[in-house]
C-alpha atoms as a PDB file:
ATOM      1  CA  MET A   1     -10.754  15.963  14.300  1.00  0.00           C
ATOM      2  CA  LYS A   2      -8.874  12.792  15.167  1.00  0.00           C
ATOM      3  CA  HIS A   3      -7.189  10.961  12.276  1.00  0.00           C
ATOM      4  CA  GLU A   4      -8.118   7.307  12.191  1.00  0.00           C
ATOM      5  CA  VAL A   5      -5.337   4.991  11.055  1.00  0.00           C
ATOM      6  CA  THR A   6      -6.668   2.591   8.476  1.00  0.00           C
ATOM      7  CA  GLU A   7      -4.999   0.115   6.193  1.00  0.00           C
ATOM      8  CA  GLN A   8      -5.333   2.564   3.300  1.00  0.00           C
ATOM      9  CA  SER A   9      -3.850   5.533   5.194  1.00  0.00           C
ATOM     10  CA  SER A  10      -0.977   3.446   6.565  1.00  0.00           C
ATOM     11  CA  CYS A  11      -0.297   2.162   3.044  1.00  0.00           C
ATOM     12  CA  PHE A  12      -0.305   5.771   1.814  1.00  0.00           C
ATOM     13  CA  PHE A  13       2.180   6.719   4.542  1.00  0.00           C
ATOM     14  CA  TYR A  14       4.423   3.776   3.609  1.00  0.00           C
ATOM     15  CA  PHE A  15       4.567   4.779  -0.048  1.00  0.00           C
ATOM     16  CA  ASN A  16       5.174   8.430   0.800  1.00  0.00           C
ATOM     17  CA  SER A  17       7.989   7.573   3.203  1.00  0.00           C
ATOM     18  CA  HIS A  18       9.441   5.091   0.701  1.00  0.00           C
ATOM     19  CA  GLU A  19       9.356   7.706  -2.076  1.00  0.00           C
ATOM     20  CA  ARG A  20      11.017  10.217   0.218  1.00  0.00           C
ATOM     21  CA  PHE A  21      13.716   7.695   1.115  1.00  0.00           C
ATOM     22  CA  LYS A  22      14.433   6.981  -2.560  1.00  0.00           C
ATOM     23  CA  ILE A  23      14.577  10.688  -3.400  1.00  0.00           C
ATOM     24  CA  GLU A  24      17.009  11.307  -0.530  1.00  0.00           C
ATOM     25  CA  GLU A  25      19.093   8.318  -1.655  1.00  0.00           C
ATOM     26  CA  VAL A  26      19.418   9.659  -5.206  1.00  0.00           C
ATOM     27  CA  LEU A  27      20.229  13.178  -3.997  1.00  0.00           C
ATOM     28  CA  ASN A  28      22.862  11.819  -1.597  1.00  0.00           C
ATOM     29  CA  GLU A  29      24.479   9.841  -4.427  1.00  0.00           C
ATOM     30  CA  MET A  30      24.717  13.114  -6.338  1.00  0.00           C
ATOM     31  CA  LYS A  31      26.193  14.752  -3.205  1.00  0.00           C
ATOM     32  CA  LEU A  32      23.335  17.268  -3.000  1.00  0.00           C
ATOM     33  CA  ASN A  33      21.889  18.516   0.263  1.00  0.00           C
ATOM     34  CA  ALA A  34      18.161  19.093  -0.025  1.00  0.00           C
ATOM     35  CA  SER A  35      15.678  20.555   2.403  1.00  0.00           C
ATOM     36  CA  GLU A  36      12.249  19.059   3.109  1.00  0.00           C
ATOM     37  CA  SER A  37      10.637  21.549   0.729  1.00  0.00           C
ATOM     38  CA  ASP A  38      13.175  20.709  -2.009  1.00  0.00           C
ATOM     39  CA  ILE A  39      12.286  17.027  -1.698  1.00  0.00           C
ATOM     40  CA  GLU A  40       8.547  17.776  -1.843  1.00  0.00           C
ATOM     41  CA  ILE A  41       8.987  19.961  -4.938  1.00  0.00           C
ATOM     42  CA  LEU A  42      11.098  17.293  -6.638  1.00  0.00           C
ATOM     43  CA  LYS A  43       8.447  14.676  -5.846  1.00  0.00           C
ATOM     44  CA  GLN A  44       5.738  16.873  -7.385  1.00  0.00           C
ATOM     45  CA  VAL A  45       7.840  17.543 -10.502  1.00  0.00           C
ATOM     46  CA  CYS A  46       8.482  13.809 -10.963  1.00  0.00           C
ATOM     47  CA  ALA A  47       4.761  13.088 -10.610  1.00  0.00           C
ATOM     48  CA  ALA A  48       3.889  15.752 -13.191  1.00  0.00           C
ATOM     49  CA  VAL A  49       6.489  14.496 -15.678  1.00  0.00           C
ATOM     50  CA  SER A  50       5.318  10.895 -15.213  1.00  0.00           C
ATOM     51  CA  LYS A  51       1.682  11.855 -15.726  1.00  0.00           C
ATOM     52  CA  ARG A  52       2.576  13.810 -18.875  1.00  0.00           C
ATOM     53  CA  ALA A  53       4.570  10.866 -20.263  1.00  0.00           C
ATOM     54  CA  ALA A  54       1.653   8.508 -19.612  1.00  0.00           C
ATOM     55  CA  ARG A  55      -0.739  10.831 -21.427  1.00  0.00           C
ATOM     56  CA  LEU A  56       1.583  11.125 -24.424  1.00  0.00           C
ATOM     57  CA  ALA A  57       1.963   7.346 -24.579  1.00  0.00           C
ATOM     58  CA  ALA A  58      -1.813   6.900 -24.347  1.00  0.00           C
ATOM     59  CA  GLY A  59      -2.295   9.397 -27.172  1.00  0.00           C
ATOM     60  CA  GLY A  60       0.132   7.506 -29.370  1.00  0.00           C
ATOM     61  CA  LEU A  61      -1.554   4.189 -28.643  1.00  0.00           C
ATOM     62  CA  ALA A  62      -4.990   5.675 -29.310  1.00  0.00           C
ATOM     63  CA  THR A  63      -3.773   6.904 -32.694  1.00  0.00           C
ATOM     64  CA  ILE A  64      -2.418   3.469 -33.607  1.00  0.00           C
ATOM     65  CA  VAL A  65      -5.672   1.800 -32.555  1.00  0.00           C
ATOM     66  CA  LYS A  66      -7.716   4.354 -34.513  1.00  0.00           C
ATOM     67  CA  VAL A  67      -5.705   3.630 -37.692  1.00  0.00           C
ATOM     68  CA  PHE A  68      -6.309  -0.113 -37.445  1.00  0.00           C
ATOM     69  CA  ILE A  69     -10.039   0.049 -36.634  1.00  0.00           C
END
């Protein structure tokens, strides 16, 4: 199956390559050599931590709203 390049898929590629660049930049500043799989794992861990933080913040806000309603 041929992959069709669309605006959405090219945007997705841009953000993925930008994220990868930023991760490499941070690791280089820390003088760490990372493989492709290390970078992918780190990206997944960051996404999981961010999602968890957002859910905790939403829970706190929901509690505050519930108290005042």
